[in-house]
Amino acid sequence: MNMRLVEMLHLELEPVGIFFGNTTATCDLVASPPKRNCVIPFLLTAAKGKITSMNEESCTCAGGAVGACFGDGFSRLNPDIHKMLSQGLGSYAPEAAPPMVKEGERFFCNEDIAMKWRQNMPYSDKAYPRIVFGPLSRWTEIGVPDLVLVFANADQISALVTMQGFHNGKAVNTLAPFGAACHSIVYAAEQMEKEEPYAIMGLFDISQRSTALKDYLSITVPYKLWEGMIKDLDKSCLTTHSWRNIEKRL
């Protein structure tokens, strides 16, 4: 498997292949339904070398179900999500509810604006019956991924964003939509059928960044864009004096 981009970027975590609907891959870690499973730890585990998977039953976080492309998880698992994402339930919240429910995440000024965001989410069913996450070094065990997600620091993200225009000359090739930490998956899934797909930046969810994501953002691309990223690397910005100066601190 071609690891040259990993080496040239000095990535500490492997790019993660995202395989929609895969039922054949042998997984090292399978999400268990009774737990409240966040998608990000399964992606991080894959980035560290293991193959992981989730299905709708085990993708028990409402936002995670949306991000992992198991349809409208908000309606199924948390129909009041727009209230929590805005100003909270206040006095209507259960007494034992956490602050995020009572006070709200305050990502939106009120629940009507939060509902607008919710209604514009590009819900997808691509993951059914199972989504699999696999590290680059083990893609040969699974096949060709649908998407590729890369965890990267600011220097590496800068290079990856720059590289998106290498073969097309466009200034805007990357989008940075707001969403939960895993929502870059569903936004990237929306790009898969487009003639000129965009890369999707992610991990902007401050409610999750406080856990284990310090100094990292993500960039998620359809496999078509990944092929372009690993093509002509010997001519890319990663071979310049500018990048060599950055390499000194990586």
C-alpha atoms as a PDB file:
ATOM      1  CA  MET A   1       0.000   0.000   0.000  1.00  0.00           C
ATOM      2  CA  ASN A   2       1.310   3.450  -0.947  1.00  0.00           C
ATOM      3  CA  MET A   3       2.362   5.135   2.304  1.00  0.00           C
ATOM      4  CA  ARG A   4       4.402   7.904   0.682  1.00  0.00           C
ATOM      5  CA  LEU A   5       1.925  10.683   1.482  1.00  0.00           C
ATOM      6  CA  VAL A   6       1.925   9.576   5.134  1.00  0.00           C
ATOM      7  CA  GLU A   7       5.712   9.726   5.174  1.00  0.00           C
ATOM      8  CA  MET A   8       5.961  13.072   3.405  1.00  0.00           C
ATOM      9  CA  LEU A   9       3.388  14.673   5.700  1.00  0.00           C
ATOM     10  CA  HIS A  10       4.874  12.989   8.792  1.00  0.00           C
ATOM     11  CA  LEU A  11       1.419  11.867   9.896  1.00  0.00           C
ATOM     12  CA  GLU A  12       1.322  10.300  13.355  1.00  0.00           C
ATOM     13  CA  LEU A  13      -2.017   8.620  12.627  1.00  0.00           C
ATOM     14  CA  GLU A  14      -2.783   6.559   9.528  1.00  0.00           C
ATOM     15  CA  PRO A  15      -5.377   7.757   7.026  1.00  0.00           C
ATOM     16  CA  VAL A  16      -8.616   5.884   7.643  1.00  0.00           C
ATOM     17  CA  GLY A  17     -10.545   4.244   4.838  1.00  0.00           C
ATOM     18  CA  ILE A  18     -14.328   4.396   5.283  1.00  0.00           C
ATOM     19  CA  PHE A  19     -16.195   1.483   3.726  1.00  0.00           C
ATOM     20  CA  PHE A  20     -19.964   1.857   3.367  1.00  0.00           C
ATOM     21  CA  GLY A  21     -22.144  -1.241   3.532  1.00  0.00           C
ATOM     22  CA  ASN A  22     -19.241  -3.630   4.046  1.00  0.00           C
ATOM     23  CA  THR A  23     -20.197  -6.981   5.577  1.00  0.00           C
ATOM     24  CA  THR A  24     -17.114  -9.052   4.762  1.00  0.00           C
ATOM     25  CA  ALA A  25     -14.197  -7.343   6.543  1.00  0.00           C
ATOM     26  CA  THR A  26     -12.874  -9.080   9.645  1.00  0.00           C
ATOM     27  CA  CYS A  27     -12.790  -6.435  12.378  1.00  0.00           C
ATOM     28  CA  ASP A  28     -10.599  -6.098  15.463  1.00  0.00           C
ATOM     29  CA  LEU A  29     -13.210  -3.995  17.254  1.00  0.00           C
ATOM     30  CA  VAL A  30     -16.972  -4.107  16.770  1.00  0.00           C
ATOM     31  CA  ALA A  31     -19.238  -1.586  18.466  1.00  0.00           C
ATOM     32  CA  SER A  32     -21.507  -3.086  21.120  1.00  0.00           C
ATOM     33  CA  PRO A  33     -25.177  -1.971  21.129  1.00  0.00           C
ATOM     34  CA  PRO A  34     -25.703  -1.552  24.907  1.00  0.00           C
ATOM     35  CA  LYS A  35     -23.055   1.185  25.108  1.00  0.00           C
ATOM     36  CA  ARG A  36     -23.351   4.814  24.046  1.00  0.00           C
ATOM     37  CA  ASN A  37     -20.874   4.655  21.190  1.00  0.00           C
ATOM     38  CA  CYS A  38     -19.247   7.762  19.751  1.00  0.00           C
ATOM     39  CA  VAL A  39     -17.944   7.380  16.182  1.00  0.00           C
ATOM     40  CA  ILE A  40     -14.687   9.260  16.782  1.00  0.00           C
ATOM     41  CA  PRO A  41     -13.023   6.653  19.073  1.00  0.00           C
ATOM     42  CA  PHE A  42     -13.669   4.005  16.399  1.00  0.00           C
ATOM     43  CA  LEU A  43     -12.038   6.247  13.781  1.00  0.00           C
ATOM     44  CA  LEU A  44      -9.088   6.948  16.078  1.00  0.00           C
ATOM     45  CA  THR A  45      -8.662   3.243  16.817  1.00  0.00           C
ATOM     46  CA  ALA A  46      -8.570   2.601  13.060  1.00  0.00           C
ATOM     47  CA  ALA A  47      -6.028   5.393  12.610  1.00  0.00           C
ATOM     48  CA  LYS A  48      -3.834   3.533  15.112  1.00  0.00           C
ATOM     49  CA  GLY A  49      -3.892   0.293  13.120  1.00  0.00           C
ATOM     50  CA  LYS A  50      -7.077  -1.676  13.862  1.00  0.00           C
ATOM     51  CA  ILE A  51     -10.111  -2.380  11.696  1.00  0.00           C
ATOM     52  CA  THR A  52     -13.333  -1.295  13.415  1.00  0.00           C
ATOM     53  CA  SER A  53     -17.019  -1.324  12.563  1.00  0.00           C
ATOM     54  CA  MET A  54     -20.473  -0.126  13.594  1.00  0.00           C
ATOM     55  CA  ASN A  55     -24.024  -0.848  12.501  1.00  0.00           C
ATOM     56  CA  GLU A  56     -27.213   1.123  13.137  1.00  0.00           C
ATOM     57  CA  GLU A  57     -27.990  -0.727  16.367  1.00  0.00           C
ATOM     58  CA  SER A  58     -24.560  -0.070  17.851  1.00  0.00           C
ATOM     59  CA  CYS A  59     -24.282   3.509  16.573  1.00  0.00           C
ATOM     60  CA  THR A  60     -26.212   4.749  19.593  1.00  0.00           C
ATOM     61  CA  CYS A  61     -25.297   8.463  19.495  1.00  0.00           C
ATOM     62  CA  ALA A  62     -27.914  10.447  17.553  1.00  0.00           C
ATOM     63  CA  GLY A  63     -25.348  12.715  15.921  1.00  0.00           C
ATOM     64  CA  GLY A  64     -23.074   9.750  15.324  1.00  0.00           C
ATOM     65  CA  ALA A  65     -25.796   7.858  13.480  1.00  0.00           C
ATOM     66  CA  VAL A  66     -26.226  10.881  11.214  1.00  0.00           C
ATOM     67  CA  GLY A  67     -22.480  11.299  10.730  1.00  0.00           C
ATOM     68  CA  ALA A  68     -21.909   7.617   9.998  1.00  0.00           C
ATOM     69  CA  CYS A  69     -24.655   7.671   7.337  1.00  0.00           C
ATOM     70  CA  PHE A  70     -27.313   5.647   9.131  1.00  0.00           C
ATOM     71  CA  GLY A  71     -30.105   7.981   8.052  1.00  0.00           C
ATOM     72  CA  ASP A  72     -31.809  10.540  10.293  1.00  0.00           C
ATOM     73  CA  GLY A  73     -30.504   9.481  13.687  1.00  0.00           C
ATOM     74  CA  PHE A  74     -31.779  12.699  15.233  1.00  0.00           C
ATOM     75  CA  SER A  75     -35.424  11.756  14.722  1.00  0.00           C
ATOM     76  CA  ARG A  76     -34.840   8.196  15.933  1.00  0.00           C
ATOM     77  CA  LEU A  77     -32.617   8.846  18.937  1.00  0.00           C
ATOM     78  CA  ASN A  78     -32.900  12.494  20.008  1.00  0.00           C
ATOM     79  CA  PRO A  79     -35.824  14.406  18.486  1.00  0.00           C
ATOM     80  CA  ASP A  80     -35.080  17.438  20.704  1.00  0.00           C
ATOM     81  CA  ILE A  81     -31.484  17.769  19.491  1.00  0.00           C
ATOM     82  CA  HIS A  82     -32.150  21.244  18.061  1.00  0.00           C
ATOM     83  CA  LYS A  83     -33.045  22.455  21.557  1.00  0.00           C
ATOM     84  CA  MET A  84     -29.876  21.022  23.087  1.00  0.00           C
ATOM     85  CA  LEU A  85     -27.743  22.540  20.318  1.00  0.00           C
ATOM     86  CA  SER A  86     -29.186  25.981  20.955  1.00  0.00           C
ATOM     87  CA  GLN A  87     -30.227  27.310  24.381  1.00  0.00           C
ATOM     88  CA  GLY A  88     -31.175  24.057  26.111  1.00  0.00           C
ATOM     89  CA  LEU A  89     -34.325  22.828  27.828  1.00  0.00           C
ATOM     90  CA  GLY A  90     -33.926  25.085  30.839  1.00  0.00           C
ATOM     91  CA  SER A  91     -36.490  24.420  33.555  1.00  0.00           C
ATOM     92  CA  TYR A  92     -38.067  21.728  31.363  1.00  0.00           C
ATOM     93  CA  ALA A  93     -34.952  19.561  31.581  1.00  0.00           C
ATOM     94  CA  PRO A  94     -35.007  16.527  33.906  1.00  0.00           C
ATOM     95  CA  GLU A  95     -33.429  17.277  37.277  1.00  0.00           C
ATOM     96  CA  ALA A  96     -30.475  14.929  36.654  1.00  0.00           C
ATOM     97  CA  ALA A  97     -29.842  16.178  33.100  1.00  0.00           C
ATOM     98  CA  PRO A  98     -26.263  17.292  32.281  1.00  0.00           C
ATOM     99  CA  PRO A  99     -25.470  20.988  31.666  1.00  0.00           C
ATOM    100  CA  MET A 100     -25.487  20.549  27.882  1.00  0.00           C
ATOM    101  CA  VAL A 101     -29.171  19.594  28.098  1.00  0.00           C
ATOM    102  CA  LYS A 102     -30.201  22.251  30.614  1.00  0.00           C
ATOM    103  CA  GLU A 103     -28.097  25.145  29.322  1.00  0.00           C
ATOM    104  CA  GLY A 104     -27.648  23.986  25.749  1.00  0.00           C
ATOM    105  CA  GLU A 105     -24.515  23.785  23.614  1.00  0.00           C
ATOM    106  CA  ARG A 106     -25.321  27.316  22.340  1.00  0.00           C
ATOM    107  CA  PHE A 107     -24.085  26.601  18.851  1.00  0.00           C
ATOM    108  CA  PHE A 108     -27.224  28.402  17.618  1.00  0.00           C
ATOM    109  CA  CYS A 109     -29.036  31.445  18.981  1.00  0.00           C
ATOM    110  CA  ASN A 110     -32.398  29.672  19.286  1.00  0.00           C
ATOM    111  CA  GLU A 111     -34.036  26.349  18.485  1.00  0.00           C
ATOM    112  CA  ASP A 112     -35.623  27.597  15.250  1.00  0.00           C
ATOM    113  CA  ILE A 113     -32.202  28.448  13.826  1.00  0.00           C
ATOM    114  CA  ALA A 114     -30.854  25.103  15.076  1.00  0.00           C
ATOM    115  CA  MET A 115     -33.765  23.372  13.340  1.00  0.00           C
ATOM    116  CA  LYS A 116     -32.803  25.084  10.085  1.00  0.00           C
ATOM    117  CA  TRP A 117     -29.335  23.508  10.393  1.00  0.00           C
ATOM    118  CA  ARG A 118     -30.893  20.148  11.218  1.00  0.00           C
ATOM    119  CA  GLN A 119     -33.245  20.231   8.237  1.00  0.00           C
ATOM    120  CA  ASN A 120     -30.384  21.062   5.861  1.00  0.00           C
ATOM    121  CA  MET A 121     -28.232  18.124   6.967  1.00  0.00           C
ATOM    122  CA  PRO A 122     -27.457  15.867   3.950  1.00  0.00           C
ATOM    123  CA  TYR A 123     -28.761  12.660   5.561  1.00  0.00           C
ATOM    124  CA  SER A 124     -27.499   9.487   3.938  1.00  0.00           C
ATOM    125  CA  ASP A 125     -28.263   5.769   4.127  1.00  0.00           C
ATOM    126  CA  LYS A 126     -24.979   4.716   2.530  1.00  0.00           C
ATOM    127  CA  ALA A 127     -23.671   2.898   5.622  1.00  0.00           C
ATOM    128  CA  TYR A 128     -26.346   0.208   5.843  1.00  0.00           C
ATOM    129  CA  PRO A 129     -25.994  -2.510   6.980  1.00  0.00           C
ATOM    130  CA  ARG A 130     -22.539  -1.726   8.408  1.00  0.00           C
ATOM    131  CA  ILE A 131     -19.783   0.875   8.223  1.00  0.00           C
ATOM    132  CA  VAL A 132     -16.157  -0.213   8.487  1.00  0.00           C
ATOM    133  CA  PHE A 133     -13.100   1.918   9.316  1.00  0.00           C
ATOM    134  CA  GLY A 134      -9.695   0.613   8.252  1.00  0.00           C
ATOM    135  CA  PRO A 135      -6.134   2.004   8.436  1.00  0.00           C
ATOM    136  CA  LEU A 136      -4.334   2.625   5.140  1.00  0.00           C
ATOM    137  CA  SER A 137      -1.844  -0.173   5.823  1.00  0.00           C
ATOM    138  CA  ARG A 138      -4.694  -2.707   5.875  1.00  0.00           C
ATOM    139  CA  TRP A 139      -6.911  -1.617   2.996  1.00  0.00           C
ATOM    140  CA  THR A 140      -5.733  -4.619   0.999  1.00  0.00           C
ATOM    141  CA  GLU A 141      -7.631  -6.789   3.516  1.00  0.00           C
ATOM    142  CA  ILE A 142     -10.891  -4.959   2.783  1.00  0.00           C
ATOM    143  CA  GLY A 143     -10.898  -3.379  -0.666  1.00  0.00           C
ATOM    144  CA  VAL A 144     -11.164   0.146  -2.037  1.00  0.00           C
ATOM    145  CA  PRO A 145     -12.656   2.603   0.469  1.00  0.00           C
ATOM    146  CA  ASP A 146     -15.480   4.995  -0.355  1.00  0.00           C
ATOM    147  CA  LEU A 147     -13.969   7.840   1.662  1.00  0.00           C
ATOM    148  CA  VAL A 148     -10.628   8.585   3.283  1.00  0.00           C
ATOM    149  CA  LEU A 149     -10.373  10.532   6.551  1.00  0.00           C
ATOM    150  CA  VAL A 150      -7.065  12.010   7.672  1.00  0.00           C
ATOM    151  CA  PHE A 151      -6.341  13.303  11.179  1.00  0.00           C
ATOM    152  CA  ALA A 152      -3.788  16.105  10.852  1.00  0.00           C
ATOM    153  CA  ASN A 153      -2.315  19.108  12.624  1.00  0.00           C
ATOM    154  CA  ALA A 154      -2.439  22.675  11.296  1.00  0.00           C
ATOM    155  CA  ASP A 155       0.717  22.358   9.171  1.00  0.00           C
ATOM    156  CA  GLN A 156      -0.436  19.098   7.615  1.00  0.00           C
ATOM    157  CA  ILE A 157      -3.969  20.407   7.024  1.00  0.00           C
ATOM    158  CA  SER A 158      -2.464  23.434   5.269  1.00  0.00           C
ATOM    159  CA  ALA A 159      -0.625  21.143   2.864  1.00  0.00           C
ATOM    160  CA  LEU A 160      -3.652  18.918   2.282  1.00  0.00           C
ATOM    161  CA  VAL A 161      -5.898  21.896   1.501  1.00  0.00           C
ATOM    162  CA  THR A 162      -3.271  23.309  -0.860  1.00  0.00           C
ATOM    163  CA  MET A 163      -2.950  19.960  -2.622  1.00  0.00           C
ATOM    164  CA  GLN A 164      -6.655  19.852  -3.470  1.00  0.00           C
ATOM    165  CA  GLY A 165      -6.082  22.446  -6.205  1.00  0.00           C
ATOM    166  CA  PHE A 166      -2.933  20.859  -7.614  1.00  0.00           C
ATOM    167  CA  HIS A 167      -4.654  19.258 -10.606  1.00  0.00           C
ATOM    168  CA  ASN A 168      -7.595  21.616 -11.177  1.00  0.00           C
ATOM    169  CA  GLY A 169      -6.345  25.154 -10.509  1.00  0.00           C
ATOM    170  CA  LYS A 170      -9.387  26.068  -8.419  1.00  0.00           C
ATOM    171  CA  ALA A 171      -9.032  28.236  -5.314  1.00  0.00           C
ATOM    172  CA  VAL A 172     -11.924  26.665  -3.419  1.00  0.00           C
ATOM    173  CA  ASN A 173     -11.662  22.885  -3.185  1.00  0.00           C
ATOM    174  CA  THR A 174     -12.309  22.356   0.521  1.00  0.00           C
ATOM    175  CA  LEU A 175     -15.414  23.045   2.615  1.00  0.00           C
ATOM    176  CA  ALA A 176     -15.579  23.479   6.381  1.00  0.00           C
ATOM    177  CA  PRO A 177     -19.201  22.819   7.428  1.00  0.00           C
ATOM    178  CA  PHE A 178     -20.237  22.957  11.064  1.00  0.00           C
ATOM    179  CA  GLY A 179     -21.374  19.687  12.595  1.00  0.00           C
ATOM    180  CA  ALA A 180     -20.593  17.052  15.165  1.00  0.00           C
ATOM    181  CA  ALA A 181     -17.060  15.685  15.137  1.00  0.00           C
ATOM    182  CA  CYS A 182     -18.015  12.812  12.810  1.00  0.00           C
ATOM    183  CA  HIS A 183     -20.265  14.805  10.474  1.00  0.00           C
ATOM    184  CA  SER A 184     -17.483  15.314   7.948  1.00  0.00           C
ATOM    185  CA  ILE A 185     -18.290  11.730   6.913  1.00  0.00           C
ATOM    186  CA  VAL A 186     -21.877  12.481   5.896  1.00  0.00           C
ATOM    187  CA  TYR A 187     -20.830  15.720   4.186  1.00  0.00           C
ATOM    188  CA  ALA A 188     -18.081  13.878   2.280  1.00  0.00           C
ATOM    189  CA  ALA A 189     -20.550  11.138   1.340  1.00  0.00           C
ATOM    190  CA  GLU A 190     -22.630  13.845  -0.322  1.00  0.00           C
ATOM    191  CA  GLN A 191     -19.612  14.668  -2.515  1.00  0.00           C
ATOM    192  CA  MET A 192     -19.072  11.142  -3.810  1.00  0.00           C
ATOM    193  CA  GLU A 193     -21.322  11.387  -6.880  1.00  0.00           C
ATOM    194  CA  LYS A 194     -20.294  14.921  -7.838  1.00  0.00           C
ATOM    195  CA  GLU A 195     -18.189  15.501 -10.930  1.00  0.00           C
ATOM    196  CA  GLU A 196     -15.975  17.930  -9.006  1.00  0.00           C
ATOM    197  CA  PRO A 197     -16.195  16.854  -5.367  1.00  0.00           C
ATOM    198  CA  TYR A 198     -14.957  18.929  -2.443  1.00  0.00           C
ATOM    199  CA  ALA A 199     -12.791  17.819   0.439  1.00  0.00           C
ATOM    200  CA  ILE A 200     -14.451  18.272   3.842  1.00  0.00           C
ATOM    201  CA  MET A 201     -12.705  19.597   6.916  1.00  0.00           C
ATOM    202  CA  GLY A 202     -14.010  18.544  10.321  1.00  0.00           C
ATOM    203  CA  LEU A 203     -13.588  18.135  14.072  1.00  0.00           C
ATOM    204  CA  PHE A 204     -14.945  21.604  14.824  1.00  0.00           C
ATOM    205  CA  ASP A 205     -17.340  20.322  17.501  1.00  0.00           C
ATOM    206  CA  ILE A 206     -16.067  21.951  20.724  1.00  0.00           C
ATOM    207  CA  SER A 207     -18.191  19.595  22.833  1.00  0.00           C
ATOM    208  CA  GLN A 208     -15.924  16.755  21.642  1.00  0.00           C
ATOM    209  CA  ARG A 209     -12.606  18.577  21.265  1.00  0.00           C
ATOM    210  CA  SER A 210     -12.211  18.678  25.050  1.00  0.00           C
ATOM    211  CA  THR A 211     -11.669  14.899  25.137  1.00  0.00           C
ATOM    212  CA  ALA A 212      -8.766  13.647  23.008  1.00  0.00           C
ATOM    213  CA  LEU A 213      -8.515  15.739  19.854  1.00  0.00           C
ATOM    214  CA  LYS A 214      -6.126  18.514  20.888  1.00  0.00           C
ATOM    215  CA  ASP A 215      -4.117  19.976  17.976  1.00  0.00           C
ATOM    216  CA  TYR A 216      -5.946  17.900  15.330  1.00  0.00           C
ATOM    217  CA  LEU A 217      -8.516  18.631  12.671  1.00  0.00           C
ATOM    218  CA  SER A 218      -9.623  16.204   9.996  1.00  0.00           C
ATOM    219  CA  ILE A 219     -10.002  16.253   6.250  1.00  0.00           C
ATOM    220  CA  THR A 220     -12.286  13.704   4.577  1.00  0.00           C
ATOM    221  CA  VAL A 221     -12.335  13.053   0.842  1.00  0.00           C
ATOM    222  CA  PRO A 222     -14.038  10.724  -1.621  1.00  0.00           C
ATOM    223  CA  TYR A 223     -11.599   8.081  -2.845  1.00  0.00           C
ATOM    224  CA  LYS A 224     -11.481   9.859  -6.203  1.00  0.00           C
ATOM    225  CA  LEU A 225      -9.805  12.837  -4.494  1.00  0.00           C
ATOM    226  CA  TRP A 226      -7.479  10.597  -2.506  1.00  0.00           C
ATOM    227  CA  GLU A 227      -6.154   9.171  -5.787  1.00  0.00           C
ATOM    228  CA  GLY A 228      -5.420  12.716  -6.929  1.00  0.00           C
ATOM    229  CA  MET A 229      -3.655  13.526  -3.665  1.00  0.00           C
ATOM    230  CA  ILE A 230      -1.192  10.636  -3.982  1.00  0.00           C
ATOM    231  CA  LYS A 231      -0.529  11.295  -7.675  1.00  0.00           C
ATOM    232  CA  ASP A 232       2.524  13.320  -8.759  1.00  0.00           C
ATOM    233  CA  LEU A 233       3.784  13.740  -5.198  1.00  0.00           C
ATOM    234  CA  ASP A 234       7.299  14.269  -6.573  1.00  0.00           C
ATOM    235  CA  LYS A 235       6.038  17.533  -8.145  1.00  0.00           C
ATOM    236  CA  SER A 236       3.936  18.697  -5.198  1.00  0.00           C
ATOM    237  CA  CYS A 237       4.444  21.374  -2.550  1.00  0.00           C
ATOM    238  CA  LEU A 238       5.741  18.625  -0.262  1.00  0.00           C
ATOM    239  CA  THR A 239       9.023  18.666  -2.199  1.00  0.00           C
ATOM    240  CA  THR A 240       9.723  22.397  -1.794  1.00  0.00           C
ATOM    241  CA  HIS A 241      12.008  24.402   0.482  1.00  0.00           C
ATOM    242  CA  SER A 242       8.891  25.853   2.134  1.00  0.00           C
ATOM    243  CA  TRP A 243       7.738  22.409   3.212  1.00  0.00           C
ATOM    244  CA  ARG A 244      11.230  21.429   4.305  1.00  0.00           C
ATOM    245  CA  ASN A 245      11.203  24.392   6.692  1.00  0.00           C
ATOM    246  CA  ILE A 246       7.903  23.154   8.144  1.00  0.00           C
ATOM    247  CA  GLU A 247       9.197  19.587   8.380  1.00  0.00           C
ATOM    248  CA  LYS A 248      11.727  20.692  10.973  1.00  0.00           C
ATOM    249  CA  ARG A 249       8.949  21.080  13.549  1.00  0.00           C
ATOM    250  CA  LEU A 250       6.954  17.986  12.640  1.00  0.00           C
END
